[in-house]
């Protein structure tokens, strides 16, 4: 649905409450995906509002995901 800002906020709220490592890994993976999608949107549309997304935020989210599930090849690939 291309509602990346809303999805990012929802995933961040879930991450703050989640204690299960496998679910937290999946949530952080999705946070990274949201950051990348927002960054891509900003780069392709100079008039788009700055959502604070950055490649560094995406990378950090993927790292956090791998800390919780180091065997996740999809996250490692991203």
N, C-alpha and C. Protein backbone atom coordinates (compact mmCIF):
# COMPACT_ATOMS: atom_id res chain seq x y z
N UNK A 1 0.81 -1.21 0.00
CA UNK A 1 0.00 0.00 0.00
C UNK A 1 0.85 1.27 0.00
N UNK A 2 2.17 1.10 0.06
CA UNK A 2 3.09 2.24 0.04
C UNK A 2 2.92 3.18 1.24
N UNK A 3 2.47 2.67 2.36
CA UNK A 3 2.31 3.47 3.58
C UNK A 3 3.49 3.19 4.51
N UNK A 4 4.69 3.52 4.02
CA UNK A 4 5.91 3.17 4.73
C UNK A 4 6.08 3.93 6.04
N UNK A 5 5.66 5.19 6.08
CA UNK A 5 5.78 5.96 7.33
C UNK A 5 4.94 5.33 8.43
N UNK A 6 3.72 4.94 8.09
CA UNK A 6 2.83 4.32 9.07
C UNK A 6 3.35 2.95 9.49
N UNK A 7 3.85 2.20 8.54
CA UNK A 7 4.39 0.88 8.85
C UNK A 7 5.62 1.00 9.75
N UNK A 8 6.48 1.96 9.46
CA UNK A 8 7.67 2.17 10.27
C UNK A 8 7.29 2.49 11.72
N UNK A 9 6.34 3.37 11.90
CA UNK A 9 5.90 3.73 13.25
C UNK A 9 5.32 2.51 13.97
N UNK A 10 4.54 1.71 13.26
CA UNK A 10 3.94 0.52 13.87
C UNK A 10 5.01 -0.50 14.25
N UNK A 11 5.97 -0.73 13.35
CA UNK A 11 7.04 -1.69 13.65
C UNK A 11 7.90 -1.21 14.82
N UNK A 12 8.18 0.09 14.88
CA UNK A 12 8.97 0.61 15.98
C UNK A 12 8.24 0.45 17.32
N UNK A 13 6.95 0.66 17.32
CA UNK A 13 6.16 0.46 18.54
C UNK A 13 6.18 -1.02 18.95
N UNK A 14 6.07 -1.91 17.99
CA UNK A 14 6.14 -3.34 18.29
C UNK A 14 7.50 -3.74 18.83
N UNK A 15 8.56 -3.20 18.25
CA UNK A 15 9.92 -3.54 18.67
C UNK A 15 10.16 -3.14 20.12
N UNK A 16 9.56 -2.05 20.54
CA UNK A 16 9.75 -1.57 21.90
C UNK A 16 9.13 -2.51 22.93
N UNK A 17 8.13 -3.28 22.52
CA UNK A 17 7.41 -4.17 23.44
C UNK A 17 7.80 -5.63 23.31
N UNK A 18 8.36 -6.02 22.18
CA UNK A 18 8.61 -7.44 21.89
C UNK A 18 9.79 -7.98 22.70
N UNK A 19 9.63 -9.21 23.21
CA UNK A 19 10.70 -9.86 23.95
C UNK A 19 11.21 -11.13 23.26
N UNK A 20 10.41 -11.70 22.37
CA UNK A 20 10.81 -12.90 21.65
C UNK A 20 11.84 -12.54 20.59
N UNK A 21 13.01 -13.19 20.65
CA UNK A 21 14.11 -12.83 19.74
C UNK A 21 13.78 -13.06 18.27
N UNK A 22 13.10 -14.13 17.95
CA UNK A 22 12.81 -14.39 16.53
C UNK A 22 11.82 -13.37 15.97
N UNK A 23 10.82 -13.00 16.77
CA UNK A 23 9.88 -11.98 16.31
C UNK A 23 10.54 -10.61 16.25
N UNK A 24 11.41 -10.32 17.22
CA UNK A 24 12.13 -9.05 17.23
C UNK A 24 13.04 -8.95 16.01
N UNK A 25 13.65 -10.06 15.63
CA UNK A 25 14.49 -10.08 14.42
C UNK A 25 13.65 -9.74 13.19
N UNK A 26 12.48 -10.34 13.08
CA UNK A 26 11.60 -10.07 11.93
C UNK A 26 11.13 -8.62 11.93
N UNK A 27 10.81 -8.10 13.09
CA UNK A 27 10.36 -6.70 13.19
C UNK A 27 11.47 -5.77 12.75
N UNK A 28 12.70 -6.00 13.24
CA UNK A 28 13.81 -5.14 12.86
C UNK A 28 14.15 -5.26 11.38
N UNK A 29 13.99 -6.44 10.82
CA UNK A 29 14.17 -6.62 9.38
C UNK A 29 13.18 -5.72 8.62
N UNK A 30 11.93 -5.73 9.06
CA UNK A 30 10.92 -4.90 8.41
C UNK A 30 11.16 -3.41 8.63
N UNK A 31 11.70 -3.04 9.77
CA UNK A 31 12.06 -1.64 10.00
C UNK A 31 13.12 -1.22 8.99
N UNK A 32 14.11 -2.08 8.78
CA UNK A 32 15.13 -1.80 7.77
C UNK A 32 14.54 -1.65 6.39
N UNK A 33 13.60 -2.53 6.04
CA UNK A 33 12.94 -2.44 4.74
C UNK A 33 12.17 -1.12 4.60
N UNK A 34 11.52 -0.69 5.67
CA UNK A 34 10.79 0.59 5.63
C UNK A 34 11.75 1.75 5.42
N UNK A 35 12.87 1.74 6.13
CA UNK A 35 13.86 2.81 5.95
C UNK A 35 14.34 2.86 4.50
N UNK A 36 14.62 1.70 3.92
CA UNK A 36 15.07 1.69 2.53
C UNK A 36 13.99 2.18 1.57
N UNK A 37 12.76 1.77 1.80
CA UNK A 37 11.67 2.21 0.93
C UNK A 37 11.47 3.71 1.02
N UNK A 38 11.56 4.26 2.23
CA UNK A 38 11.40 5.72 2.40
C UNK A 38 12.57 6.46 1.77
N UNK A 39 13.76 5.92 1.92
CA UNK A 39 14.93 6.55 1.31
C UNK A 39 14.81 6.55 -0.21
N UNK A 40 14.37 5.44 -0.77
CA UNK A 40 14.16 5.34 -2.21
C UNK A 40 13.11 6.35 -2.68
N UNK A 41 12.05 6.48 -1.90
CA UNK A 41 10.98 7.43 -2.22
C UNK A 41 11.52 8.86 -2.23
N UNK A 42 12.35 9.19 -1.24
CA UNK A 42 12.93 10.53 -1.16
C UNK A 42 13.85 10.80 -2.35
N UNK A 43 14.64 9.82 -2.72
CA UNK A 43 15.59 10.00 -3.82
C UNK A 43 14.89 10.14 -5.16
N UNK A 44 13.76 9.46 -5.32
CA UNK A 44 13.04 9.50 -6.59
C UNK A 44 12.07 10.67 -6.71
N UNK A 45 11.78 11.31 -5.59
CA UNK A 45 10.85 12.44 -5.61
C UNK A 45 11.41 13.56 -4.75
N UNK A 46 12.05 14.54 -5.37
CA UNK A 46 12.67 15.62 -4.61
C UNK A 46 11.67 16.44 -3.80
N UNK A 47 10.39 16.37 -4.12
CA UNK A 47 9.38 17.11 -3.38
C UNK A 47 8.81 16.33 -2.20
N UNK A 48 9.24 15.07 -2.04
CA UNK A 48 8.74 14.25 -0.93
C UNK A 48 9.28 14.79 0.38
N UNK A 49 8.46 14.69 1.41
CA UNK A 49 8.91 15.18 2.72
C UNK A 49 10.01 14.28 3.25
N UNK A 50 10.90 14.86 4.02
CA UNK A 50 12.00 14.12 4.61
C UNK A 50 11.48 13.36 5.82
N UNK A 51 11.48 12.05 5.75
CA UNK A 51 10.94 11.22 6.82
C UNK A 51 12.00 10.81 7.83
N UNK A 52 13.23 11.26 7.63
CA UNK A 52 14.31 10.87 8.52
C UNK A 52 14.92 9.53 8.17
N UNK A 53 14.49 8.95 7.07
CA UNK A 53 15.04 7.67 6.65
C UNK A 53 16.44 7.86 6.12
N UNK A 54 17.29 6.92 6.41
CA UNK A 54 18.65 6.98 5.88
C UNK A 54 19.18 5.57 5.72
N UNK A 55 20.20 5.45 4.93
CA UNK A 55 20.84 4.16 4.74
C UNK A 55 21.42 3.67 6.06
N UNK A 56 21.97 4.58 6.86
CA UNK A 56 22.52 4.20 8.17
C UNK A 56 21.44 3.61 9.08
N UNK A 57 20.24 4.18 9.06
CA UNK A 57 19.13 3.65 9.87
C UNK A 57 18.75 2.25 9.39
N UNK A 58 18.71 2.06 8.09
CA UNK A 58 18.37 0.74 7.55
C UNK A 58 19.42 -0.29 7.94
N UNK A 59 20.69 0.07 7.78
CA UNK A 59 21.77 -0.85 8.12
C UNK A 59 21.73 -1.21 9.60
N UNK A 60 21.52 -0.23 10.45
CA UNK A 60 21.46 -0.50 11.89
C UNK A 60 20.28 -1.42 12.23
N UNK A 61 19.17 -1.24 11.55
CA UNK A 61 18.01 -2.12 11.78
C UNK A 61 18.32 -3.55 11.37
N UNK A 62 18.99 -3.72 10.23
CA UNK A 62 19.37 -5.06 9.80
C UNK A 62 20.38 -5.69 10.76
N UNK A 63 21.32 -4.88 11.27
CA UNK A 63 22.29 -5.39 12.25
C UNK A 63 21.57 -5.86 13.51
N UNK A 64 20.62 -5.07 13.96
CA UNK A 64 19.86 -5.44 15.15
C UNK A 64 19.09 -6.73 14.90
N UNK A 65 18.56 -6.88 13.72
CA UNK A 65 17.85 -8.10 13.36
C UNK A 65 18.80 -9.30 13.43
N UNK A 66 20.00 -9.13 12.89
CA UNK A 66 20.96 -10.23 12.89
C UNK A 66 21.48 -10.55 14.29
N UNK A 67 21.49 -9.58 15.18
CA UNK A 67 21.87 -9.85 16.57
C UNK A 67 20.87 -10.81 17.22
N UNK A 68 19.63 -10.70 16.81
CA UNK A 68 18.58 -11.55 17.37
C UNK A 68 18.42 -12.86 16.61
N UNK A 69 18.82 -12.88 15.35
CA UNK A 69 18.74 -14.10 14.55
C UNK A 69 19.88 -14.10 13.53
N UNK A 70 21.08 -14.52 13.96
CA UNK A 70 22.26 -14.45 13.09
C UNK A 70 22.20 -15.39 11.89
N UNK A 71 21.26 -16.30 11.86
CA UNK A 71 21.18 -17.26 10.75
C UNK A 71 20.22 -16.82 9.65
N UNK A 72 19.67 -15.63 9.75
CA UNK A 72 18.70 -15.15 8.76
C UNK A 72 19.43 -14.67 7.51
N UNK A 73 19.41 -15.52 6.49
CA UNK A 73 20.13 -15.21 5.25
C UNK A 73 19.53 -14.03 4.49
N UNK A 74 18.22 -13.87 4.55
CA UNK A 74 17.58 -12.76 3.84
C UNK A 74 18.02 -11.41 4.43
N UNK A 75 18.07 -11.34 5.74
CA UNK A 75 18.54 -10.11 6.38
C UNK A 75 20.01 -9.88 6.07
N UNK A 76 20.79 -10.92 6.14
CA UNK A 76 22.21 -10.81 5.82
C UNK A 76 22.40 -10.30 4.39
N UNK A 77 21.59 -10.77 3.47
CA UNK A 77 21.66 -10.32 2.08
C UNK A 77 21.34 -8.84 1.98
N UNK A 78 20.29 -8.40 2.67
CA UNK A 78 19.90 -6.98 2.62
C UNK A 78 21.03 -6.12 3.17
